Amino acid sequence: MSRGLEDFLLKIWSRRGGLSTLLLPLSWLYGLLSARRLRARAGTAWKAPVPVVVVGNILVGGTGKTPVTIAVCQALQARGWHPGVVSRGYGAAVGPAPRLSDGGGGADRLGDEPALIHAATGAPVAVHPRRALAAAALLAAHPDVDVLVADDGLQHTALARDLEIIVQDGRGVGNGRLLPAGPLREPPARLARADWLVTHLAPDEPMPPSTASIGSGDTPRTVVMRLRPEGATHLASGRDLPWDAWRAEQGAAPCSAAAGIGRPERFFAMLRAAGVTLSRTLRVPDHRTIPADALRGLPPGPVLITPKDAVKCAAPHDPRLWAVRAAPAFSDPGWPDALDQALRTAARGRAGGA
């Protein structure tokens, strides 16, 4: 999807205007068919022998699932778990059999997001449109894996799950309508059934109004996530610097930034909030490779890109390119401890039922 079409749809989906209302009959049909499909898959769901935590969203477009998945894996590793990750493998021609990171962790084999998750965490990854097949293959190849993290797996109910983390952003639920009249894959009420609702916001971005009434009970527990630069890696040389060192080295010189992610504006806003002067920005459709000729058209000076773009960069030897690593800051730093305890309870339940 082109950025122009995406911007047009986002504008329609932000309010209940005339065009959105005209599309409501299609939304009702979509909701009926989608609910039937999800129920059918859930009825025959495969239950893994280890706990499963799903990270997903009900809102189309990038909400920040990948940084949440990475943060979850790293938090579990720090607490003694050995997580494995299953994903669809969007952008890679996976084929009939699941594909594992054991054979290579590049974006061409796994897809850009699974490749990034594997590179950031070292956790084994398996990709296939049927998540249950990917999970079974991963567990067979890695018997030490004791928890599965399903990236972008909320609507893939054929894989049973113990815990759900829904990720949204500043759009909230948009106009509250299902596709194509709105931006939702499932009704807004679906949020209340999650265990955690993580809202990914840009610096100084307010909470969406639609979130105010969520989390008033025990479920879901709500957490705000904001990303901030942690370091930068020079693609051509592999030289890695902490963010403060990179800023000191570059001084106040203007930079450019390019991003092929779901919401490039969040990346640009993060850089500006961190003191970077951006002379030019380049927005590329999500999952697309940033074209080398477009990079050449940017003005002289450093070009900052995301790690997701770096794993599939068409011009990695361009000496101007720096991949900016971002670290999440959560409103509740202790929420991974609660996740850890919930998963331990799930693991004990499996052991007791064995």
Protein backbone atom coordinates (compact mmCIF):
# COMPACT_ATOMS: atom_id res chain seq x y z
CA MET A 1 0.00 0.00 0.00
CA SER A 2 1.35 3.42 -0.95
CA ARG A 3 1.84 6.07 1.71
CA GLY A 4 -0.68 8.32 -0.07
CA LEU A 5 -3.41 5.67 0.08
CA GLU A 6 -2.52 4.86 3.67
CA ASP A 7 -2.81 8.53 4.68
CA PHE A 8 -6.17 8.76 2.91
CA LEU A 9 -7.53 5.72 4.75
CA LEU A 10 -6.23 6.93 8.11
CA LYS A 11 -8.07 10.20 7.57
CA ILE A 12 -11.32 8.36 6.80
CA TRP A 13 -10.88 6.02 9.75
CA SER A 14 -10.23 8.81 12.24
CA ARG A 15 -13.90 9.91 12.29
CA ARG A 16 -17.38 8.72 11.41
CA GLY A 17 -17.77 10.69 8.21
CA GLY A 18 -19.91 10.09 5.16
CA LEU A 19 -17.61 7.69 3.32
CA SER A 20 -17.04 5.63 6.46
CA THR A 21 -20.81 5.40 7.00
CA LEU A 22 -21.36 4.27 3.39
CA LEU A 23 -18.96 1.39 4.02
CA LEU A 24 -20.76 0.19 7.16
CA PRO A 25 -22.62 -2.70 5.45
CA LEU A 26 -19.27 -4.14 4.36
CA SER A 27 -18.00 -3.73 7.93
CA TRP A 28 -20.97 -5.70 9.26
CA LEU A 29 -20.26 -8.48 6.77
CA TYR A 30 -16.57 -8.43 7.65
CA GLY A 31 -17.38 -8.65 11.36
CA LEU A 32 -19.75 -11.58 10.85
CA LEU A 33 -17.32 -13.59 8.72
CA SER A 34 -14.32 -12.74 10.89
CA ALA A 35 -16.04 -13.74 14.12
CA ARG A 36 -17.16 -17.02 12.57
CA ARG A 37 -13.63 -17.77 11.34
CA LEU A 38 -12.03 -16.96 14.70
CA ARG A 39 -14.53 -19.17 16.57
CA ALA A 40 -13.95 -22.08 14.18
CA ARG A 41 -10.19 -21.91 14.58
CA ALA A 42 -10.39 -21.54 18.35
CA GLY A 43 -12.52 -24.68 18.52
CA THR A 44 -9.66 -26.78 17.17
CA ALA A 45 -6.78 -24.78 18.67
CA TRP A 46 -3.50 -26.57 19.30
CA LYS A 47 -2.28 -26.29 22.88
CA ALA A 48 1.49 -26.15 23.14
CA PRO A 49 3.25 -28.05 25.95
CA VAL A 50 4.70 -24.73 27.18
CA PRO A 51 2.98 -21.43 28.05
CA VAL A 52 2.13 -19.14 25.14
CA VAL A 53 1.94 -15.35 25.28
CA VAL A 54 0.50 -13.56 22.25
CA VAL A 55 1.44 -10.02 21.23
CA GLY A 56 -0.98 -8.47 18.74
CA ASN A 57 -3.38 -5.68 17.95
CA ILE A 58 -6.89 -5.05 16.68
CA LEU A 59 -5.88 -1.87 14.83
CA VAL A 60 -4.49 -2.13 11.30
CA GLY A 61 -1.07 -0.67 10.69
CA GLY A 62 1.97 -0.43 12.89
CA THR A 63 1.22 0.03 16.57
CA GLY A 64 4.57 -1.09 18.03
CA LYS A 65 4.15 -4.85 18.36
CA THR A 66 7.77 -5.59 17.44
CA PRO A 67 9.40 -3.49 20.20
CA VAL A 68 6.93 -4.97 22.68
CA THR A 69 7.78 -8.51 21.52
CA ILE A 70 11.49 -7.76 21.86
CA ALA A 71 10.97 -6.25 25.33
CA VAL A 72 8.93 -9.27 26.43
CA CYS A 73 11.59 -11.72 25.22
CA GLN A 74 14.41 -9.81 26.89
CA ALA A 75 12.47 -9.47 30.13
CA LEU A 76 11.73 -13.20 30.20
CA GLN A 77 15.36 -14.05 29.42
CA ALA A 78 16.46 -11.87 32.32
CA ARG A 79 14.12 -13.84 34.57
CA GLY A 80 15.47 -17.25 33.60
CA TRP A 81 13.12 -18.21 30.77
CA HIS A 82 14.19 -19.55 27.37
CA PRO A 83 11.66 -17.98 24.98
CA GLY A 84 11.08 -18.94 21.37
CA VAL A 85 9.24 -16.72 18.91
CA VAL A 86 6.71 -17.67 16.25
CA SER A 87 5.57 -15.27 13.55
CA ARG A 88 3.92 -15.24 10.16
CA GLY A 89 7.09 -14.26 8.30
CA TYR A 90 5.53 -11.43 6.31
CA GLY A 91 7.67 -10.52 3.29
CA ALA A 92 9.41 -13.91 3.06
CA ALA A 93 8.38 -16.75 0.75
CA VAL A 94 8.16 -19.29 3.55
CA GLY A 95 6.73 -22.26 1.64
CA PRO A 96 4.75 -25.24 2.96
CA ALA A 97 7.06 -26.03 5.89
CA PRO A 98 7.93 -23.73 8.79
CA ARG A 99 11.24 -21.91 8.45
CA LEU A 100 13.55 -21.60 11.46
CA SER A 101 16.24 -19.06 12.27
CA ASP A 102 18.70 -21.98 12.61
CA GLY A 103 19.15 -21.85 8.84
CA GLY A 104 19.87 -18.12 8.85
CA GLY A 105 18.25 -15.12 10.46
CA GLY A 106 18.12 -12.71 7.53
CA ALA A 107 15.04 -10.75 6.50
CA ASP A 108 14.95 -12.58 3.16
CA ARG A 109 14.41 -15.90 4.99
CA LEU A 110 12.27 -14.86 7.94
CA GLY A 111 10.74 -11.50 7.09
CA ASP A 112 11.94 -8.16 8.43
CA GLU A 113 10.25 -8.19 11.85
CA PRO A 114 11.14 -11.81 12.81
CA ALA A 115 14.72 -11.14 11.63
CA LEU A 116 14.90 -8.05 13.83
CA ILE A 117 13.46 -9.93 16.83
CA HIS A 118 16.02 -12.73 16.38
CA ALA A 119 18.90 -10.26 16.03
CA ALA A 120 17.83 -8.24 19.09
CA THR A 121 17.14 -11.15 21.44
CA GLY A 122 19.05 -14.18 20.15
CA ALA A 123 15.86 -16.19 20.72
CA PRO A 124 15.12 -18.92 18.16
CA VAL A 125 12.42 -17.94 15.68
CA ALA A 126 10.08 -20.00 13.49
CA VAL A 127 7.86 -18.49 10.81
CA HIS A 128 4.80 -19.82 9.01
CA PRO A 129 1.29 -18.46 8.34
CA ARG A 130 -0.02 -21.31 10.50
CA ARG A 131 1.43 -20.39 13.89
CA ALA A 132 0.73 -23.83 15.40
CA LEU A 133 2.95 -25.47 12.75
CA ALA A 134 5.69 -22.93 13.46
CA ALA A 135 5.39 -23.53 17.20
CA ALA A 136 5.60 -27.32 16.87
CA ALA A 137 8.66 -27.07 14.60
CA LEU A 138 10.37 -24.64 16.95
CA LEU A 139 9.81 -26.82 20.01
CA ALA A 140 11.04 -29.90 18.17
CA ALA A 141 14.25 -28.13 17.16
CA HIS A 142 14.74 -26.36 20.50
CA PRO A 143 13.58 -28.54 23.41
CA ASP A 144 15.03 -26.00 25.86
CA VAL A 145 12.37 -23.44 24.88
CA ASP A 146 9.99 -23.15 27.84
CA VAL A 147 7.74 -20.29 26.69
CA LEU A 148 6.47 -19.25 23.27
CA VAL A 149 5.93 -15.63 22.24
CA ALA A 150 3.59 -15.31 19.25
CA ASP A 151 4.37 -12.09 17.38
CA ASP A 152 1.32 -10.51 15.72
CA GLY A 153 -0.75 -13.55 16.62
CA LEU A 154 -3.91 -12.14 18.21
CA GLN A 155 -6.27 -13.21 15.40
CA HIS A 156 -4.54 -16.58 14.89
CA THR A 157 -6.72 -18.46 17.33
CA ALA A 158 -5.63 -21.88 16.03
CA LEU A 159 -2.75 -21.52 18.49
CA ALA A 160 -4.10 -21.60 22.04
CA ARG A 161 -2.69 -18.94 24.32
CA ASP A 162 -2.31 -18.40 28.04
CA LEU A 163 -1.82 -14.63 28.02
CA GLU A 164 -2.58 -11.83 25.58
CA ILE A 165 -0.85 -8.48 25.18
CA ILE A 166 -2.67 -6.06 22.87
CA VAL A 167 -0.66 -3.12 21.56
CA GLN A 168 -2.34 0.08 20.42
CA ASP A 169 -1.08 3.58 19.71
CA GLY A 170 -2.30 7.14 19.95
CA ARG A 171 -5.12 6.43 17.50
CA GLY A 172 -6.86 4.28 20.11
CA VAL A 173 -9.66 2.53 18.23
CA GLY A 174 -10.00 5.23 15.59
CA ASN A 175 -13.65 5.72 14.72
CA GLY A 176 -14.50 2.45 16.47
CA ARG A 177 -15.63 0.69 13.29
CA LEU A 178 -14.48 -2.53 11.69
CA LEU A 179 -12.79 -2.74 8.29
CA PRO A 180 -13.37 -1.24 5.78
CA ALA A 181 -15.42 1.53 7.43
CA GLY A 182 -12.84 1.81 10.21
CA PRO A 183 -9.37 0.59 11.16
CA LEU A 184 -10.36 -2.35 13.39
CA ARG A 185 -9.91 -6.08 12.83
CA GLU A 186 -12.09 -6.82 15.89
CA PRO A 187 -14.63 -4.74 17.84
CA PRO A 188 -13.37 -2.32 20.53
CA ALA A 189 -14.79 -4.60 23.23
CA ARG A 190 -12.04 -7.09 22.34
CA LEU A 191 -9.55 -4.93 24.26
CA ALA A 192 -11.20 -5.79 27.57
CA ARG A 193 -10.44 -9.50 27.11
CA ALA A 194 -6.68 -9.00 26.95
CA ASP A 195 -4.39 -9.45 29.94
CA TRP A 196 -2.38 -6.32 29.15
CA LEU A 197 -3.05 -3.30 26.96
CA VAL A 198 0.17 -1.54 25.98
CA THR A 199 -0.31 1.91 24.46
CA HIS A 200 2.65 3.00 22.36
CA LEU A 201 2.92 6.79 22.28
CA ALA A 202 5.33 9.27 20.75
CA PRO A 203 7.04 11.76 23.07
CA ASP A 204 4.45 14.12 24.58
CA GLU A 205 1.58 12.34 22.79
CA PRO A 206 -1.52 12.09 25.02
CA MET A 207 -3.42 8.91 25.78
CA PRO A 208 -6.25 8.27 23.30
CA PRO A 209 -9.66 9.12 24.82
CA SER A 210 -10.98 5.65 23.97
CA THR A 211 -8.57 4.13 26.50
CA ALA A 212 -9.81 6.10 29.50
CA SER A 213 -12.52 3.60 30.43
CA ILE A 214 -10.38 0.50 29.82
CA GLY A 215 -8.53 -1.18 32.62
CA SER A 216 -10.83 0.06 35.39
CA GLY A 217 -11.26 -3.56 36.53
CA ASP A 218 -8.71 -6.32 36.89
CA THR A 219 -8.28 -6.86 33.13
CA PRO A 220 -6.67 -5.62 31.09
CA ARG A 221 -3.80 -4.03 32.95
CA THR A 222 -2.78 -0.87 31.09
CA VAL A 223 0.79 0.23 30.39
CA VAL A 224 2.13 3.14 28.35
CA MET A 225 5.27 2.63 26.27
CA ARG A 226 7.41 5.40 24.82
CA LEU A 227 10.61 4.71 22.87
CA ARG A 228 13.79 6.71 23.31
CA PRO A 229 17.12 6.42 21.47
CA GLU A 230 19.62 4.14 23.15
CA GLY A 231 22.41 3.94 20.58
CA ALA A 232 23.31 4.12 16.91
CA THR A 233 25.14 1.66 14.65
CA HIS A 234 27.04 2.73 11.55
CA LEU A 235 25.89 0.27 8.89
CA ALA A 236 28.95 0.46 6.66
CA SER A 237 31.50 -0.22 9.43
CA GLY A 238 29.46 -1.85 12.19
CA ARG A 239 30.69 0.81 14.63
CA ASP A 240 28.29 1.10 17.53
CA LEU A 241 27.92 4.11 19.81
CA PRO A 242 25.75 4.92 22.83
CA TRP A 243 23.28 7.64 21.96
CA ASP A 244 24.98 10.35 24.01
CA ALA A 245 28.32 9.55 22.36
CA TRP A 246 26.75 9.65 18.91
CA ARG A 247 25.12 13.00 19.65
CA ALA A 248 28.40 14.41 20.94
CA GLU A 249 30.24 13.20 17.84
CA GLN A 250 27.69 14.58 15.38
CA GLY A 251 27.13 17.86 17.20
CA ALA A 252 24.28 20.06 16.01
CA ALA A 253 24.63 19.19 12.32
CA PRO A 254 21.29 18.54 10.59
CA CYS A 255 20.43 14.93 9.69
CA SER A 256 17.95 13.14 7.50
CA ALA A 257 15.77 10.25 8.59
CA ALA A 258 14.10 7.49 6.59
CA ALA A 259 11.65 4.82 7.75
CA GLY A 260 9.68 1.98 6.18
CA ILE A 261 7.59 1.15 9.23
CA GLY A 262 3.92 1.37 10.10
CA ARG A 263 4.08 4.84 11.68
CA PRO A 264 7.23 6.66 10.52
CA GLU A 265 6.12 9.88 12.22
CA ARG A 266 6.69 8.29 15.63
CA PHE A 267 10.30 7.56 14.70
CA PHE A 268 10.84 11.10 13.47
CA ALA A 269 9.16 12.55 16.58
CA MET A 270 11.40 10.44 18.82
CA LEU A 271 14.51 11.76 17.07
CA ARG A 272 13.37 15.38 17.32
CA ALA A 273 12.53 14.94 21.00
CA ALA A 274 16.07 13.61 21.50
CA GLY A 275 17.53 16.83 20.07
CA VAL A 276 18.13 15.82 16.44
CA THR A 277 17.52 18.46 13.77
CA LEU A 278 15.94 16.75 10.78
CA SER A 279 16.46 18.55 7.50
CA ARG A 280 14.56 15.91 5.49
CA THR A 281 12.41 12.87 6.22
CA LEU A 282 11.59 9.97 3.90
CA ARG A 283 8.49 7.79 4.46
CA VAL A 284 8.37 4.36 2.81
CA PRO A 285 5.45 1.89 2.98
CA ASP A 286 5.68 -0.60 5.81
CA HIS A 287 7.85 -3.68 5.12
CA ARG A 288 9.27 -2.10 1.95
CA THR A 289 12.99 -1.67 1.44
CA ILE A 290 14.13 1.96 1.42
CA PRO A 291 15.15 2.53 -2.23
CA ALA A 292 18.84 3.26 -2.75
CA ASP A 293 18.03 6.03 -5.25
CA ALA A 294 15.75 7.71 -2.70
CA LEU A 295 18.60 7.64 -0.18
CA ARG A 296 20.92 9.22 -2.73
CA GLY A 297 18.43 12.07 -3.11
CA LEU A 298 18.73 13.05 0.56
CA PRO A 299 21.02 15.97 1.45
CA PRO A 300 24.57 15.42 2.74
CA GLY A 301 24.96 14.37 6.36
CA PRO A 302 23.93 11.38 8.47
CA VAL A 303 20.80 9.45 7.52
CA LEU A 304 19.06 7.83 10.49
CA ILE A 305 16.98 4.68 9.92
CA THR A 306 15.25 2.11 12.11
CA PRO A 307 16.71 -1.32 12.92
CA LYS A 308 13.78 -2.85 11.02
CA ASP A 309 14.91 -0.98 7.91
CA ALA A 310 18.54 -1.86 8.56
CA VAL A 311 17.93 -5.64 8.36
CA LYS A 312 16.74 -5.25 4.77
CA CYS A 313 18.64 -2.16 3.66
CA ALA A 314 19.30 -1.94 -0.09
CA ALA A 315 22.39 0.22 0.42
CA PRO A 316 24.12 -0.99 3.62
CA HIS A 317 27.48 0.38 2.48
CA ASP A 318 26.20 3.95 2.22
CA PRO A 319 28.55 5.70 4.71
CA ARG A 320 25.79 8.09 5.81
CA LEU A 321 23.50 5.41 7.25
CA TRP A 322 23.07 4.93 11.00
CA ALA A 323 20.54 2.56 12.54
CA VAL A 324 19.06 4.02 15.72
CA ARG A 325 18.33 1.52 18.48
CA ALA A 326 15.43 2.53 20.70
CA ALA A 327 14.74 1.34 24.22
CA PRO A 328 11.20 1.25 25.62
CA ALA A 329 10.28 3.21 28.72
CA PHE A 330 7.16 1.81 30.39
CA SER A 331 4.82 3.70 32.70
CA ASP A 332 4.87 0.63 34.95
CA PRO A 333 8.44 -0.76 35.00
CA GLY A 334 7.26 -3.70 37.08
CA TRP A 335 4.79 -5.09 34.57
CA PRO A 336 7.27 -7.75 33.26
CA ASP A 337 7.42 -9.15 36.80
CA ALA A 338 3.65 -9.63 36.74
CA LEU A 339 3.96 -11.26 33.31
CA ASP A 340 6.65 -13.58 34.68
CA GLN A 341 4.46 -14.64 37.58
CA ALA A 342 1.44 -15.22 35.34
CA LEU A 343 3.50 -17.43 33.03
CA ARG A 344 4.91 -19.40 35.98
CA THR A 345 1.36 -20.03 37.12
CA ALA A 346 0.46 -21.24 33.61
CA ALA A 347 3.54 -23.51 33.53
CA ARG A 348 2.59 -25.04 36.89
CA GLY A 349 -0.89 -25.68 35.58
CA ARG A 350 0.54 -27.58 32.64
CA ALA A 351 2.82 -29.61 34.89
CA GLY A 352 -0.08 -30.44 37.20
CA GLY A 353 -2.23 -31.55 34.30
CA ALA A 354 0.46 -33.72 32.74
